[in-house]
């Protein structure tokens, strides 16, 4: 079985090759490791291998992982659809939100973000 470290090394190598092939600046493409349904041990191994960005779309599962891995320097991304009743937990614990599709959600995330944290990074979904 291939280890998390070996997989990440291979993927990073492929990313660097594609950057060069498509004339992208070095280190301009970053890997977001989707860690939903993965164990804390696997996430810790990925972080030890240099992975810093992790994506989750189950709030309760993510909160447990974020707490268990609070000693690591990780960026947590919420990547799924957002229910209104989950915005406070997302605003308080995540660094990125990749799925804002309604003004109501954007407003709640902004209002519920603690002042002690840096601004929440948000990607807005636009239906053309």
N, C-alpha and C. Protein backbone atom coordinates (compact mmCIF):
# COMPACT_ATOMS: atom_id res chain seq x y z
N UNK A 1 0.84 -1.19 0.00
CA UNK A 1 0.00 0.00 0.00
C UNK A 1 0.89 1.25 0.00
N UNK A 2 0.54 2.22 -0.80
CA UNK A 2 1.30 3.45 -0.91
C UNK A 2 0.96 4.35 0.28
N UNK A 3 1.98 4.98 0.83
CA UNK A 3 1.76 5.83 2.00
C UNK A 3 1.25 7.22 1.59
N UNK A 4 0.69 7.89 2.56
CA UNK A 4 0.22 9.26 2.36
C UNK A 4 1.38 10.13 1.88
N UNK A 5 2.54 9.96 2.50
CA UNK A 5 3.72 10.75 2.14
C UNK A 5 4.12 10.51 0.69
N UNK A 6 4.14 9.25 0.27
CA UNK A 6 4.51 8.93 -1.12
C UNK A 6 3.49 9.51 -2.09
N UNK A 7 2.21 9.39 -1.77
CA UNK A 7 1.16 9.95 -2.65
C UNK A 7 1.31 11.46 -2.79
N UNK A 8 1.52 12.14 -1.69
CA UNK A 8 1.67 13.60 -1.75
C UNK A 8 2.90 14.01 -2.53
N UNK A 9 3.98 13.29 -2.35
CA UNK A 9 5.20 13.61 -3.09
C UNK A 9 4.97 13.47 -4.59
N UNK A 10 4.29 12.42 -4.99
CA UNK A 10 4.00 12.19 -6.41
C UNK A 10 3.08 13.28 -6.96
N UNK A 11 2.04 13.61 -6.22
CA UNK A 11 1.10 14.63 -6.68
C UNK A 11 1.79 15.99 -6.79
N UNK A 12 2.61 16.34 -5.80
CA UNK A 12 3.33 17.62 -5.85
C UNK A 12 4.28 17.67 -7.05
N UNK A 13 4.92 16.55 -7.33
CA UNK A 13 5.82 16.48 -8.49
C UNK A 13 5.02 16.72 -9.77
N UNK A 14 3.86 16.10 -9.88
CA UNK A 14 3.01 16.28 -11.06
C UNK A 14 2.55 17.73 -11.19
N UNK A 15 2.18 18.34 -10.09
CA UNK A 15 1.76 19.74 -10.11
C UNK A 15 2.89 20.63 -10.62
N UNK A 16 4.10 20.43 -10.10
CA UNK A 16 5.25 21.24 -10.54
C UNK A 16 5.52 21.03 -12.04
N UNK A 17 5.38 19.79 -12.53
CA UNK A 17 5.57 19.51 -13.95
C UNK A 17 4.52 20.23 -14.80
N UNK A 18 3.27 20.22 -14.35
CA UNK A 18 2.22 20.92 -15.08
C UNK A 18 2.42 22.43 -15.06
N UNK A 19 2.89 22.95 -13.93
CA UNK A 19 3.19 24.39 -13.89
C UNK A 19 4.20 24.74 -14.98
N UNK A 20 5.24 23.94 -15.09
CA UNK A 20 6.26 24.20 -16.09
C UNK A 20 5.70 24.02 -17.50
N UNK A 21 4.97 22.93 -17.71
CA UNK A 21 4.41 22.62 -19.03
C UNK A 21 3.49 23.73 -19.52
N UNK A 22 2.73 24.33 -18.62
CA UNK A 22 1.75 25.34 -19.02
C UNK A 22 2.19 26.76 -18.65
N UNK A 23 3.50 26.94 -18.48
CA UNK A 23 4.10 28.25 -18.24
C UNK A 23 3.48 28.99 -17.05
N UNK A 24 3.20 28.25 -16.03
CA UNK A 24 2.71 28.85 -14.79
C UNK A 24 3.89 29.17 -13.90
N UNK A 25 3.76 30.18 -13.08
CA UNK A 25 4.82 30.52 -12.12
C UNK A 25 5.01 29.35 -11.14
N UNK A 26 6.26 29.15 -10.73
CA UNK A 26 6.53 28.10 -9.76
C UNK A 26 5.75 28.34 -8.48
N UNK A 27 5.21 27.28 -7.94
CA UNK A 27 4.43 27.31 -6.69
C UNK A 27 3.12 28.08 -6.81
N UNK A 28 2.65 28.33 -8.04
CA UNK A 28 1.41 29.08 -8.21
C UNK A 28 0.17 28.18 -8.09
N UNK A 29 0.36 26.88 -8.16
CA UNK A 29 -0.75 25.94 -8.01
C UNK A 29 -0.58 25.24 -6.67
N UNK A 30 -1.62 25.26 -5.86
CA UNK A 30 -1.57 24.65 -4.54
C UNK A 30 -2.57 23.51 -4.46
N UNK A 31 -2.22 22.50 -3.72
CA UNK A 31 -3.07 21.32 -3.54
C UNK A 31 -3.96 21.50 -2.32
N UNK A 32 -5.25 21.31 -2.50
CA UNK A 32 -6.20 21.26 -1.40
C UNK A 32 -6.53 19.79 -1.19
N UNK A 33 -6.09 19.23 -0.08
CA UNK A 33 -6.34 17.82 0.23
C UNK A 33 -7.71 17.69 0.88
N UNK A 34 -8.62 17.00 0.23
CA UNK A 34 -9.94 16.78 0.80
C UNK A 34 -9.81 15.67 1.84
N UNK A 35 -10.05 16.04 3.08
CA UNK A 35 -9.79 15.14 4.19
C UNK A 35 -11.05 14.57 4.82
N UNK A 36 -12.20 14.84 4.22
CA UNK A 36 -13.44 14.29 4.78
C UNK A 36 -13.34 12.77 4.81
N UNK A 37 -13.86 12.22 5.87
CA UNK A 37 -13.89 10.77 6.10
C UNK A 37 -12.50 10.15 6.25
N UNK A 38 -11.47 10.99 6.43
CA UNK A 38 -10.11 10.49 6.67
C UNK A 38 -9.80 10.61 8.16
N UNK A 39 -8.96 9.74 8.64
CA UNK A 39 -8.62 9.74 10.06
C UNK A 39 -7.69 10.90 10.40
N UNK A 40 -7.69 11.25 11.67
CA UNK A 40 -6.78 12.27 12.18
C UNK A 40 -5.34 11.85 11.92
N UNK A 41 -5.06 10.57 12.05
CA UNK A 41 -3.70 10.06 11.83
C UNK A 41 -3.24 10.29 10.39
N UNK A 42 -4.12 10.05 9.43
CA UNK A 42 -3.76 10.28 8.02
C UNK A 42 -3.55 11.76 7.74
N UNK A 43 -4.39 12.59 8.32
CA UNK A 43 -4.24 14.04 8.13
C UNK A 43 -2.93 14.50 8.75
N UNK A 44 -2.62 13.99 9.92
CA UNK A 44 -1.37 14.34 10.59
C UNK A 44 -0.17 13.90 9.73
N UNK A 45 -0.26 12.72 9.13
CA UNK A 45 0.82 12.25 8.25
C UNK A 45 0.96 13.16 7.03
N UNK A 46 -0.17 13.59 6.47
CA UNK A 46 -0.12 14.50 5.33
C UNK A 46 0.51 15.83 5.73
N UNK A 47 0.16 16.33 6.89
CA UNK A 47 0.74 17.59 7.37
C UNK A 47 2.24 17.42 7.60
N UNK A 48 2.66 16.28 8.12
CA UNK A 48 4.08 16.02 8.33
C UNK A 48 4.83 15.98 7.00
N UNK A 49 4.11 15.62 5.93
CA UNK A 49 4.71 15.57 4.59
C UNK A 49 4.65 16.92 3.89
N UNK A 50 4.15 17.94 4.57
CA UNK A 50 4.15 19.29 4.00
C UNK A 50 2.80 19.81 3.54
N UNK A 51 1.76 19.00 3.61
CA UNK A 51 0.43 19.46 3.19
C UNK A 51 -0.14 20.39 4.26
N UNK A 52 -0.63 21.56 3.86
CA UNK A 52 -1.14 22.54 4.82
C UNK A 52 -2.63 22.85 4.66
N UNK A 53 -3.17 22.62 3.47
CA UNK A 53 -4.57 22.97 3.21
C UNK A 53 -5.43 21.71 3.14
N UNK A 54 -6.48 21.72 3.96
CA UNK A 54 -7.37 20.56 4.03
C UNK A 54 -8.81 21.02 3.86
N UNK A 55 -9.57 20.26 3.05
CA UNK A 55 -10.96 20.58 2.77
C UNK A 55 -11.90 19.61 3.44
N UNK A 56 -12.93 20.15 4.04
CA UNK A 56 -13.95 19.36 4.73
C UNK A 56 -15.32 19.86 4.30
N UNK A 57 -16.31 18.95 4.28
CA UNK A 57 -17.66 19.41 4.00
C UNK A 57 -18.70 18.87 4.97
N UNK A 58 -18.25 18.24 6.03
CA UNK A 58 -19.14 17.84 7.12
C UNK A 58 -18.69 18.61 8.36
N UNK A 59 -19.50 19.56 8.80
CA UNK A 59 -19.08 20.48 9.85
C UNK A 59 -18.71 19.73 11.13
N UNK A 60 -19.57 18.85 11.61
CA UNK A 60 -19.29 18.18 12.88
C UNK A 60 -18.01 17.36 12.82
N UNK A 61 -17.83 16.61 11.76
CA UNK A 61 -16.61 15.82 11.59
C UNK A 61 -15.39 16.74 11.53
N UNK A 62 -15.51 17.83 10.82
CA UNK A 62 -14.40 18.77 10.69
C UNK A 62 -14.03 19.40 12.03
N UNK A 63 -15.02 19.78 12.82
CA UNK A 63 -14.73 20.41 14.10
C UNK A 63 -13.91 19.48 15.00
N UNK A 64 -14.23 18.20 14.96
CA UNK A 64 -13.46 17.23 15.76
C UNK A 64 -12.01 17.18 15.28
N UNK A 65 -11.82 17.17 13.98
CA UNK A 65 -10.47 17.11 13.42
C UNK A 65 -9.70 18.40 13.70
N UNK A 66 -10.35 19.53 13.50
CA UNK A 66 -9.69 20.82 13.74
C UNK A 66 -9.22 20.89 15.19
N UNK A 67 -10.04 20.43 16.09
CA UNK A 67 -9.67 20.43 17.51
C UNK A 67 -8.51 19.47 17.77
N UNK A 68 -8.61 18.26 17.24
CA UNK A 68 -7.57 17.25 17.47
C UNK A 68 -6.24 17.64 16.84
N UNK A 69 -6.27 18.47 15.81
CA UNK A 69 -5.05 18.84 15.08
C UNK A 69 -4.68 20.31 15.30
N UNK A 70 -5.15 20.89 16.37
CA UNK A 70 -4.92 22.32 16.62
C UNK A 70 -3.44 22.66 16.81
N UNK A 71 -2.61 21.66 17.07
CA UNK A 71 -1.18 21.91 17.23
C UNK A 71 -0.47 22.07 15.89
N UNK A 72 -1.16 21.78 14.79
CA UNK A 72 -0.57 21.87 13.46
C UNK A 72 -0.88 23.22 12.82
N UNK A 73 -0.01 23.64 11.91
CA UNK A 73 -0.22 24.87 11.15
C UNK A 73 -0.97 24.53 9.86
N UNK A 74 -2.29 24.38 9.97
CA UNK A 74 -3.11 23.99 8.83
C UNK A 74 -4.08 25.11 8.47
N UNK A 75 -4.49 25.12 7.22
CA UNK A 75 -5.55 25.99 6.73
C UNK A 75 -6.74 25.07 6.46
N UNK A 76 -7.87 25.39 7.06
CA UNK A 76 -9.06 24.56 6.90
C UNK A 76 -10.03 25.25 5.95
N UNK A 77 -10.49 24.48 4.96
CA UNK A 77 -11.41 24.98 3.93
C UNK A 77 -12.74 24.25 4.08
N UNK A 78 -13.83 25.00 4.13
CA UNK A 78 -15.14 24.37 4.06
C UNK A 78 -15.53 24.33 2.60
N UNK A 79 -15.83 23.13 2.07
CA UNK A 79 -15.99 22.98 0.63
C UNK A 79 -17.39 22.55 0.19
N UNK A 80 -18.31 22.38 1.09
CA UNK A 80 -19.63 21.90 0.68
C UNK A 80 -20.68 22.98 0.73
N UNK A 81 -21.91 22.62 0.37
CA UNK A 81 -23.02 23.56 0.51
C UNK A 81 -23.19 23.91 1.99
N UNK A 82 -23.60 25.13 2.26
CA UNK A 82 -23.69 25.61 3.64
C UNK A 82 -25.15 25.79 4.04
N UNK A 83 -25.51 25.15 5.15
CA UNK A 83 -26.82 25.34 5.75
C UNK A 83 -26.73 26.53 6.71
N UNK A 84 -27.78 27.31 6.79
CA UNK A 84 -27.78 28.51 7.63
C UNK A 84 -27.42 28.21 9.08
N UNK A 85 -27.85 27.07 9.59
CA UNK A 85 -27.59 26.74 10.99
C UNK A 85 -26.14 26.32 11.24
N UNK A 86 -25.32 26.22 10.21
CA UNK A 86 -23.92 25.81 10.35
C UNK A 86 -22.96 26.99 10.19
N UNK A 87 -23.47 28.18 9.88
CA UNK A 87 -22.57 29.29 9.56
C UNK A 87 -21.71 29.72 10.74
N UNK A 88 -22.23 29.70 11.96
CA UNK A 88 -21.44 30.13 13.11
C UNK A 88 -20.22 29.24 13.29
N UNK A 89 -20.40 27.94 13.25
CA UNK A 89 -19.29 27.01 13.42
C UNK A 89 -18.26 27.18 12.29
N UNK A 90 -18.73 27.39 11.08
CA UNK A 90 -17.83 27.60 9.95
C UNK A 90 -17.06 28.90 10.13
N UNK A 91 -17.76 29.97 10.48
CA UNK A 91 -17.12 31.28 10.66
C UNK A 91 -16.07 31.25 11.78
N UNK A 92 -16.32 30.46 12.80
CA UNK A 92 -15.43 30.42 13.96
C UNK A 92 -14.23 29.50 13.80
N UNK A 93 -14.29 28.52 12.88
CA UNK A 93 -13.25 27.50 12.85
C UNK A 93 -12.51 27.32 11.52
N UNK A 94 -13.05 27.85 10.45
CA UNK A 94 -12.43 27.64 9.15
C UNK A 94 -11.68 28.89 8.71
N UNK A 95 -10.70 28.68 7.81
CA UNK A 95 -9.93 29.77 7.23
C UNK A 95 -10.48 30.19 5.88
N UNK A 96 -11.08 29.24 5.18
CA UNK A 96 -11.60 29.45 3.84
C UNK A 96 -13.01 28.87 3.73
N UNK A 97 -13.84 29.50 2.92
CA UNK A 97 -15.13 28.94 2.53
C UNK A 97 -15.17 28.99 1.01
N UNK A 98 -15.37 27.84 0.40
CA UNK A 98 -15.27 27.72 -1.06
C UNK A 98 -16.65 27.66 -1.73
N UNK A 99 -17.69 27.90 -0.98
CA UNK A 99 -18.99 27.57 -1.56
C UNK A 99 -20.12 28.53 -1.18
N UNK A 100 -19.85 29.81 -1.12
CA UNK A 100 -20.91 30.76 -0.78
C UNK A 100 -21.74 31.05 -2.03
N UNK A 101 -23.01 30.70 -1.97
CA UNK A 101 -23.88 30.86 -3.13
C UNK A 101 -25.07 31.77 -2.87
N UNK A 102 -25.20 32.27 -1.63
CA UNK A 102 -26.33 33.14 -1.29
C UNK A 102 -25.85 34.29 -0.42
N UNK A 103 -26.45 35.45 -0.64
CA UNK A 103 -26.09 36.63 0.14
C UNK A 103 -26.33 36.39 1.63
N UNK A 104 -27.41 35.71 1.97
CA UNK A 104 -27.73 35.43 3.37
C UNK A 104 -26.57 34.69 4.05
N UNK A 105 -26.00 33.72 3.38
CA UNK A 105 -24.89 32.95 3.95
C UNK A 105 -23.66 33.83 4.10
N UNK A 106 -23.36 34.64 3.09
CA UNK A 106 -22.21 35.54 3.15
C UNK A 106 -22.36 36.51 4.32
N UNK A 107 -23.54 37.05 4.49
CA UNK A 107 -23.79 38.00 5.57
C UNK A 107 -23.60 37.33 6.93
N UNK A 108 -24.17 36.15 7.09
CA UNK A 108 -24.06 35.43 8.37
C UNK A 108 -22.60 35.09 8.69
N UNK A 109 -21.87 34.61 7.69
CA UNK A 109 -20.46 34.29 7.92
C UNK A 109 -19.68 35.53 8.36
N UNK A 110 -19.94 36.65 7.73
CA UNK A 110 -19.26 37.89 8.06
C UNK A 110 -19.62 38.35 9.48
N UNK A 111 -20.90 38.33 9.81
CA UNK A 111 -21.36 38.78 11.12
C UNK A 111 -20.87 37.85 12.24
N UNK A 112 -20.71 36.57 11.94
CA UNK A 112 -20.38 35.60 12.98
C UNK A 112 -18.88 35.31 13.09
N UNK A 113 -18.07 35.92 12.24
CA UNK A 113 -16.62 35.73 12.31
C UNK A 113 -16.10 36.50 13.52
N UNK A 114 -15.42 35.81 14.44
CA UNK A 114 -14.88 36.51 15.62
C UNK A 114 -13.85 37.57 15.22
N UNK A 115 -13.88 38.70 15.91
CA UNK A 115 -12.94 39.79 15.65
C UNK A 115 -11.50 39.37 15.91
N UNK A 116 -11.31 38.37 16.75
CA UNK A 116 -9.95 37.92 17.09
C UNK A 116 -9.30 37.12 15.96
N UNK A 117 -10.07 36.74 14.95
CA UNK A 117 -9.54 35.97 13.82
C UNK A 117 -9.35 36.87 12.61
N UNK A 118 -8.43 36.48 11.72
CA UNK A 118 -8.30 37.25 10.47
C UNK A 118 -9.56 37.11 9.64
N UNK A 119 -9.77 37.99 8.68
CA UNK A 119 -10.97 37.87 7.83
C UNK A 119 -11.06 36.50 7.18
N UNK A 120 -12.26 36.03 7.04
CA UNK A 120 -12.52 34.74 6.41
C UNK A 120 -12.31 34.88 4.91
N UNK A 121 -11.56 33.97 4.32
CA UNK A 121 -11.37 33.93 2.86
C UNK A 121 -12.59 33.24 2.27
N UNK A 122 -13.21 33.87 1.30
CA UNK A 122 -14.47 33.36 0.75
C UNK A 122 -14.39 33.32 -0.78
N UNK A 123 -14.82 32.19 -1.34
CA UNK A 123 -15.00 32.07 -2.79
C UNK A 123 -16.51 32.11 -3.03
N UNK A 124 -16.93 33.01 -3.91
CA UNK A 124 -18.34 33.19 -4.18
C UNK A 124 -18.72 32.41 -5.44
N UNK A 125 -19.79 31.66 -5.33
CA UNK A 125 -20.32 30.90 -6.47
C UNK A 125 -21.34 31.78 -7.18
N UNK A 126 -21.14 31.99 -8.48
CA UNK A 126 -22.04 32.83 -9.25
C UNK A 126 -22.68 31.98 -10.34
N UNK A 127 -23.99 32.03 -10.40
CA UNK A 127 -24.73 31.29 -11.42
C UNK A 127 -24.91 32.24 -12.62
N UNK A 128 -24.18 31.94 -13.69
CA UNK A 128 -24.26 32.78 -14.87
C UNK A 128 -25.50 32.51 -15.68
